[in-house]
Protein backbone atom coordinates (compact mmCIF):
# COMPACT_ATOMS: atom_id res chain seq x y z
CA UNK A 1 -15.60 -91.38 -54.36
CA UNK A 2 -14.55 -87.78 -53.29
CA UNK A 3 -11.31 -87.31 -51.00
CA UNK A 4 -11.84 -86.03 -47.37
CA UNK A 5 -10.93 -82.90 -46.30
CA UNK A 6 -9.01 -82.49 -42.76
CA UNK A 7 -11.11 -80.16 -40.63
CA UNK A 8 -8.00 -78.98 -39.00
CA UNK A 9 -6.39 -77.00 -41.69
CA UNK A 10 -9.39 -74.68 -42.05
CA UNK A 11 -9.50 -73.79 -38.28
CA UNK A 12 -5.88 -73.28 -38.45
CA UNK A 13 -6.19 -70.87 -41.74
CA UNK A 14 -8.75 -68.91 -39.65
CA UNK A 15 -6.63 -68.49 -36.98
CA UNK A 16 -3.69 -67.17 -38.84
CA UNK A 17 -6.21 -64.57 -40.56
CA UNK A 18 -7.25 -63.27 -37.33
CA UNK A 19 -3.60 -62.98 -35.91
CA UNK A 20 -2.54 -61.01 -38.99
CA UNK A 21 -5.86 -58.85 -38.82
CA UNK A 22 -4.78 -58.08 -34.89
CA UNK A 23 -1.22 -57.04 -35.56
CA UNK A 24 -2.47 -54.58 -38.37
CA UNK A 25 -5.02 -52.84 -35.72
CA UNK A 26 -2.32 -52.77 -33.28
CA UNK A 27 0.26 -51.06 -35.71
CA UNK A 28 -2.16 -48.47 -36.53
CA UNK A 29 -3.28 -47.41 -33.08
CA UNK A 30 0.42 -47.14 -32.05
CA UNK A 31 1.57 -45.18 -35.10
CA UNK A 32 1.26 -41.27 -34.95
CA UNK A 33 1.01 -38.93 -38.02
CA UNK A 34 1.15 -34.97 -38.27
CA UNK A 35 -1.81 -33.70 -36.71
CA UNK A 36 -2.39 -36.38 -34.35
CA UNK A 37 -1.97 -36.33 -30.62
CA UNK A 38 -0.25 -38.25 -28.00
CA UNK A 39 -0.79 -37.64 -24.35
CA UNK A 40 1.52 -39.03 -21.39
CA UNK A 41 1.44 -38.62 -17.50
CA UNK A 42 3.61 -35.24 -17.91
CA UNK A 43 2.24 -33.27 -21.07
CA UNK A 44 0.81 -33.50 -24.17
CA UNK A 45 2.20 -32.91 -28.06
CA UNK A 46 -0.07 -31.27 -30.37
CA UNK A 47 0.77 -30.35 -34.07
CA UNK A 48 4.25 -31.29 -33.26
CA UNK A 49 4.56 -28.81 -30.33
CA UNK A 50 4.77 -30.19 -26.33
CA UNK A 51 2.88 -28.35 -23.87
CA UNK A 52 3.18 -28.65 -20.09
CA UNK A 53 0.19 -29.27 -17.99
CA UNK A 54 -0.84 -26.23 -15.91
CA UNK A 55 -0.39 -26.34 -12.34
CA UNK A 56 -0.59 -23.77 -9.41
CA UNK A 57 2.44 -23.89 -7.04
CA UNK A 58 1.53 -24.69 -3.07
CA UNK A 59 0.32 -21.57 -1.07
CA UNK A 60 2.99 -22.89 1.73
CA UNK A 61 6.17 -24.60 1.93
CA UNK A 62 3.74 -26.97 4.34
CA UNK A 63 1.42 -28.03 1.35
CA UNK A 64 2.47 -31.38 -0.39
CA UNK A 65 -0.51 -31.71 -2.73
CA UNK A 66 -0.32 -30.16 -5.61
CA UNK A 67 -3.23 -27.74 -6.62
CA UNK A 68 -5.35 -28.07 -9.50
CA UNK A 69 -5.88 -25.42 -12.13
CA UNK A 70 -9.66 -24.90 -10.60
CA UNK A 71 -8.22 -23.97 -7.31
CA UNK A 72 -7.41 -19.99 -6.59
CA UNK A 73 -4.82 -18.48 -3.80
CA UNK A 74 -6.62 -16.47 -1.42
CA UNK A 75 -6.49 -12.74 -1.90
CA UNK A 76 -5.67 -10.41 1.39
CA UNK A 77 -8.66 -7.96 1.84
CA UNK A 78 -6.86 -4.76 1.28
CA UNK A 79 -10.18 -2.56 2.22
CA UNK A 80 -10.16 -4.01 5.92
CA UNK A 81 -9.24 -1.12 8.25
CA UNK A 82 -5.91 -1.27 9.66
CA UNK A 83 -3.16 0.34 11.98
CA UNK A 84 0.44 -0.37 11.10
CA UNK A 85 3.15 0.67 13.58
CA UNK A 86 6.55 1.94 12.02
CA UNK A 87 9.61 -0.21 13.79
CA UNK A 88 11.12 1.28 16.64
CA UNK A 89 14.45 -0.12 17.44
CA UNK A 90 16.18 -0.50 20.74
CA UNK A 91 16.61 2.96 23.10
CA UNK A 92 18.52 4.06 26.04
CA UNK A 93 16.91 6.12 28.63
CA UNK A 94 17.02 9.67 27.73
CA UNK A 95 16.48 9.02 24.09
CA UNK A 96 13.60 10.61 22.62
CA UNK A 97 11.00 7.83 21.83
CA UNK A 98 9.13 8.07 18.43
CA UNK A 99 5.68 5.75 17.72
CA UNK A 100 4.49 6.13 14.59
CA UNK A 101 2.63 4.36 11.83
CA UNK A 102 -0.12 4.49 8.83
CA UNK A 103 -3.72 3.81 8.92
CA UNK A 104 -6.72 3.23 6.90
CA UNK A 105 -8.75 5.31 9.59
CA UNK A 106 -10.30 8.77 8.76
CA UNK A 107 -8.63 12.09 9.47
CA UNK A 108 -9.08 13.34 13.02
CA UNK A 109 -9.92 9.89 14.26
CA UNK A 110 -8.99 9.13 17.99
CA UNK A 111 -6.31 6.89 18.32
CA UNK A 112 -4.90 5.56 21.83
CA UNK A 113 -1.58 4.49 23.31
CA UNK A 114 -1.15 2.04 25.42
CA UNK A 115 1.80 -0.43 26.64
CA UNK A 116 3.12 -2.85 28.90
CA UNK A 117 6.49 -3.14 30.26
CA UNK A 118 8.35 -6.25 30.96
CA UNK A 119 4.54 -7.60 30.80
CA UNK A 120 3.62 -6.08 33.95
CA UNK A 121 0.11 -5.18 32.77
CA UNK A 122 -1.26 -2.63 30.12
CA UNK A 123 -1.31 1.41 30.98
CA UNK A 124 -2.79 3.84 28.88
CA UNK A 125 -0.61 6.44 27.90
CA UNK A 126 -1.70 8.99 25.36
CA UNK A 127 -4.02 9.73 22.67
CA UNK A 128 -3.57 11.88 19.23
CA UNK A 129 -5.80 12.47 15.98
CA UNK A 130 -5.18 11.07 12.80
CA UNK A 131 -3.46 13.29 10.53
CA UNK A 132 -3.50 13.17 6.45
CA UNK A 133 -1.12 11.45 4.47
CA UNK A 134 -0.44 9.90 1.49
CA UNK A 135 -2.10 7.35 -0.93
CA UNK A 136 -5.23 8.06 0.80
CA UNK A 137 -3.56 6.74 4.21
CA UNK A 138 -3.46 8.89 7.36
CA UNK A 139 -0.58 8.65 9.92
CA UNK A 140 -0.07 9.08 13.21
CA UNK A 141 2.94 10.12 15.82
CA UNK A 142 3.30 9.93 19.45
CA UNK A 143 6.73 11.38 20.97
CA UNK A 144 8.28 10.89 24.62
CA UNK A 145 11.10 12.11 26.56
CA UNK A 146 12.39 8.33 28.14
CA UNK A 147 14.64 9.90 30.77
CA UNK A 148 11.94 9.24 33.68
CA UNK A 149 11.25 5.80 32.30
CA UNK A 150 11.83 2.41 33.34
CA UNK A 151 14.01 0.13 31.48
CA UNK A 152 12.78 -3.20 30.16
CA UNK A 153 10.98 -4.48 27.23
CA UNK A 154 8.10 -2.52 26.23
CA UNK A 155 5.11 -3.90 24.23
CA UNK A 156 3.13 -0.79 22.68
CA UNK A 157 -0.38 -0.96 21.15
CA UNK A 158 -2.11 1.80 19.37
CA UNK A 159 -5.92 1.62 18.88
CA UNK A 160 -9.16 2.83 18.00
CA UNK A 161 -10.57 1.61 21.36
CA UNK A 162 -13.43 0.25 19.78
CA UNK A 163 -14.14 -2.35 16.59
CA UNK A 164 -10.81 -4.07 17.69
CA UNK A 165 -8.66 -2.02 15.05
CA UNK A 166 -5.24 -1.91 16.44
CA UNK A 167 -1.40 -2.37 15.43
CA UNK A 168 1.72 -3.38 17.81
CA UNK A 169 5.19 -2.84 18.26
CA UNK A 170 7.80 -4.24 20.78
CA UNK A 171 11.37 -2.43 21.51
CA UNK A 172 13.87 -2.54 24.68
CA UNK A 173 14.87 0.54 27.01
CA UNK A 174 18.24 0.08 28.23
CA UNK A 175 20.08 2.36 31.15
CA UNK A 176 19.69 3.25 34.57
CA UNK A 177 16.20 4.18 35.78
CA UNK A 178 16.17 7.91 37.00
CA UNK A 179 12.58 8.26 38.16
CA UNK A 180 10.92 6.70 41.25
CA UNK A 181 7.91 4.18 41.91
CA UNK A 182 6.88 6.58 44.33
CA UNK A 183 6.67 10.12 42.91
CA UNK A 184 6.51 13.29 45.19
CA UNK A 185 3.40 15.63 45.06
CA UNK A 186 4.60 18.89 46.36
CA UNK A 187 2.76 20.57 49.11
CA UNK A 188 5.36 22.86 50.71
CA UNK A 189 5.35 26.89 50.61
CA UNK A 190 3.62 28.34 47.72
CA UNK A 191 4.81 30.89 45.00
CA UNK A 192 6.22 34.02 46.73
CA UNK A 193 6.55 32.37 50.36
CA UNK A 194 10.39 32.29 52.06
CA UNK A 195 11.81 29.34 51.08
CA UNK A 196 9.81 28.17 48.08
CA UNK A 197 11.50 26.29 45.57
CA UNK A 198 12.06 27.34 42.09
CA UNK A 199 11.46 25.97 38.48
CA UNK A 200 13.20 27.25 35.42
CA UNK A 201 12.45 26.75 31.57
CA UNK A 202 15.31 26.93 29.05
CA UNK A 203 13.77 28.86 26.03
CA UNK A 204 13.55 26.19 23.37
CA UNK A 205 13.78 28.65 20.59
CA UNK A 206 11.71 29.10 17.54
CA UNK A 207 11.09 25.87 15.52
CA UNK A 208 9.58 24.42 12.44
CA UNK A 209 5.95 22.71 12.00
CA UNK A 210 6.93 18.99 12.38
CA UNK A 211 10.11 19.49 14.31
CA UNK A 212 10.38 16.92 17.41
CA UNK A 213 12.17 18.29 20.29
CA UNK A 214 12.88 18.78 24.23
CA UNK A 215 11.75 21.08 26.39
CA UNK A 216 13.97 21.27 29.80
CA UNK A 217 15.25 23.32 32.62
CA UNK A 218 16.20 23.09 36.17
CA UNK A 219 14.77 23.00 39.71
CA UNK A 220 15.57 23.12 43.07
CA UNK A 221 12.60 20.55 44.08
CA UNK A 222 14.16 17.13 45.13
CA UNK A 223 14.25 14.39 42.65
CA UNK A 224 11.22 12.08 42.09
CA UNK A 225 9.14 15.07 42.08
CA UNK A 226 6.22 14.93 39.76
CA UNK A 227 5.77 18.52 37.62
CA UNK A 228 3.00 19.16 34.98
CA UNK A 229 3.94 20.26 31.53
CA UNK A 230 1.47 22.55 29.58
CA UNK A 231 1.86 23.93 26.02
CA UNK A 232 -0.86 26.38 24.91
CA UNK A 233 -1.07 28.97 22.21
CA UNK A 234 0.19 32.49 23.53
CA UNK A 235 -3.25 34.44 22.59
CA UNK A 236 -4.79 32.47 25.46
CA UNK A 237 -3.03 34.95 27.56
CA UNK A 238 -2.90 37.70 25.02
CA UNK A 239 -5.80 37.87 22.53
CA UNK A 240 -3.72 40.45 20.16
CA UNK A 241 -1.45 37.19 19.44
CA UNK A 242 -3.64 35.11 17.86
CA UNK A 243 -3.00 34.89 13.82
CA UNK A 244 -5.90 35.64 11.52
CA UNK A 245 -4.84 32.12 9.91
CA UNK A 246 -5.71 30.34 13.24
CA UNK A 247 -8.49 28.02 13.49
CA UNK A 248 -11.16 28.32 16.36
CA UNK A 249 -10.12 24.87 17.81
CA UNK A 250 -6.40 24.10 17.37
CA UNK A 251 -4.93 20.42 17.41
CA UNK A 252 -2.83 22.13 20.54
CA UNK A 253 -5.07 24.27 22.34
CA UNK A 254 -3.74 22.70 25.49
CA UNK A 255 -1.07 19.69 25.25
CA UNK A 256 0.98 18.47 27.48
CA UNK A 257 1.70 15.70 30.48
CA UNK A 258 3.86 14.94 33.58
CA UNK A 259 7.35 14.54 33.79
CA UNK A 260 9.45 13.80 36.83
CA UNK A 261 12.51 15.60 38.28
CA UNK A 262 15.67 13.61 37.94
CA UNK A 263 18.85 14.26 40.05
CA UNK A 264 21.84 16.89 39.07
CA UNK A 265 24.59 18.49 40.58
CA UNK A 266 25.20 21.07 43.03
CA UNK A 267 21.75 20.66 44.65
CA UNK A 268 20.29 21.57 41.05
CA UNK A 269 17.80 18.81 39.71
CA UNK A 270 16.53 18.78 36.27
CA UNK A 271 13.40 17.82 34.13
CA UNK A 272 12.39 17.90 30.57
CA UNK A 273 9.55 17.26 28.18
CA UNK A 274 9.15 15.80 24.39
CA UNK A 275 7.28 17.93 22.11
CA UNK A 276 5.72 16.90 18.53
CA UNK A 277 5.63 20.13 16.60
CA UNK A 278 3.37 18.14 14.13
CA UNK A 279 0.32 19.03 15.82
CA UNK A 280 1.00 22.56 16.22
CA UNK A 281 0.10 25.27 14.51
CA UNK A 282 2.42 28.26 13.16
CA UNK A 283 1.99 30.79 16.05
CA UNK A 284 3.58 31.78 19.31
CA UNK A 285 3.19 29.20 22.47
CA UNK A 286 3.82 29.31 26.30
CA UNK A 287 5.40 26.73 28.26
CA UNK A 288 3.99 26.60 31.66
CA UNK A 289 5.57 23.82 33.94
CA UNK A 290 4.39 23.36 37.51
CA UNK A 291 4.42 21.11 40.75
CA UNK A 292 0.88 19.59 41.20
CA UNK A 293 -0.90 18.08 44.09
CA UNK A 294 -2.04 14.11 43.62
CA UNK A 295 -5.41 14.78 42.97
CA UNK A 296 -4.23 17.49 40.00
CA UNK A 297 -6.38 20.29 41.26
CA UNK A 298 -3.53 22.63 42.80
CA UNK A 299 -0.58 24.23 41.05
CA UNK A 300 1.72 25.88 43.06
CA UNK A 301 5.44 26.68 41.87
CA UNK A 302 5.70 27.77 38.30
CA UNK A 303 8.28 27.89 35.52
CA UNK A 304 7.23 29.49 32.25
CA UNK A 305 8.65 30.29 28.90
CA UNK A 306 7.55 30.95 25.21
CA UNK A 307 8.67 29.79 21.75
CA UNK A 308 7.39 30.11 18.34
CA UNK A 309 6.27 27.39 15.35
CA UNK A 310 7.00 28.93 12.18
């Protein structure tokens, strides 16, 4: 009679063999050798050298989500037309005010300057052509005498007048207002008549092309009187003074604007007007200052002088 085997013994042996095999397989998977790769949440190791997973920094401080390598940071379109105005800084009444800047607009393009004072509504002031600059950009410059300006916060815009291309700057002007809200338009005695007032022009002297300077003088007209100041080439009155190098149409065929008489002493008041020599060719010029009627059709009392741009 053969002895019976205990069936539990065989099952136990099989379980032990399976357990040992599992341990050996797990050990092989956990072990690392040169040339093998392990990864973690923060980086990787290849051929014994660690490398950090590439990432891209957030675009702004308000971004909390990390960008992936497939995302790109937007690039500004530098080919778009632009007008950039230089910082002005705070000014005092009587200072010369310069509004300048650069632009991608072509040379000779007209740009227009306007401003509002203390948010009282925008007023159109002046226009200028774009002049050549450096590195393919053009530039512009507007020059003003602030003697008759109101104090306040000026918001200034330079624009093409179309296509929405513009630039802006803000500055403050402090001091005592020397002008008037109701300008006087002279309508009294004509030139040569008895009792006619006078206007004198202080000779500005010769200047260099690009100079910024004031033309000024005195008058017996009352403070608040509006004057018209015009500057034009001397050959307009004397053809022999036209230089051979001059173009047929200068940038300054007839440049000018209005100014206002401010209070002086001893019955003599003053006036002034800012000139930007960058827009002048090298030749002789005449300064003509006169009273003007309200509709700008009549001019009576004149003052006159001459200077040269060399």
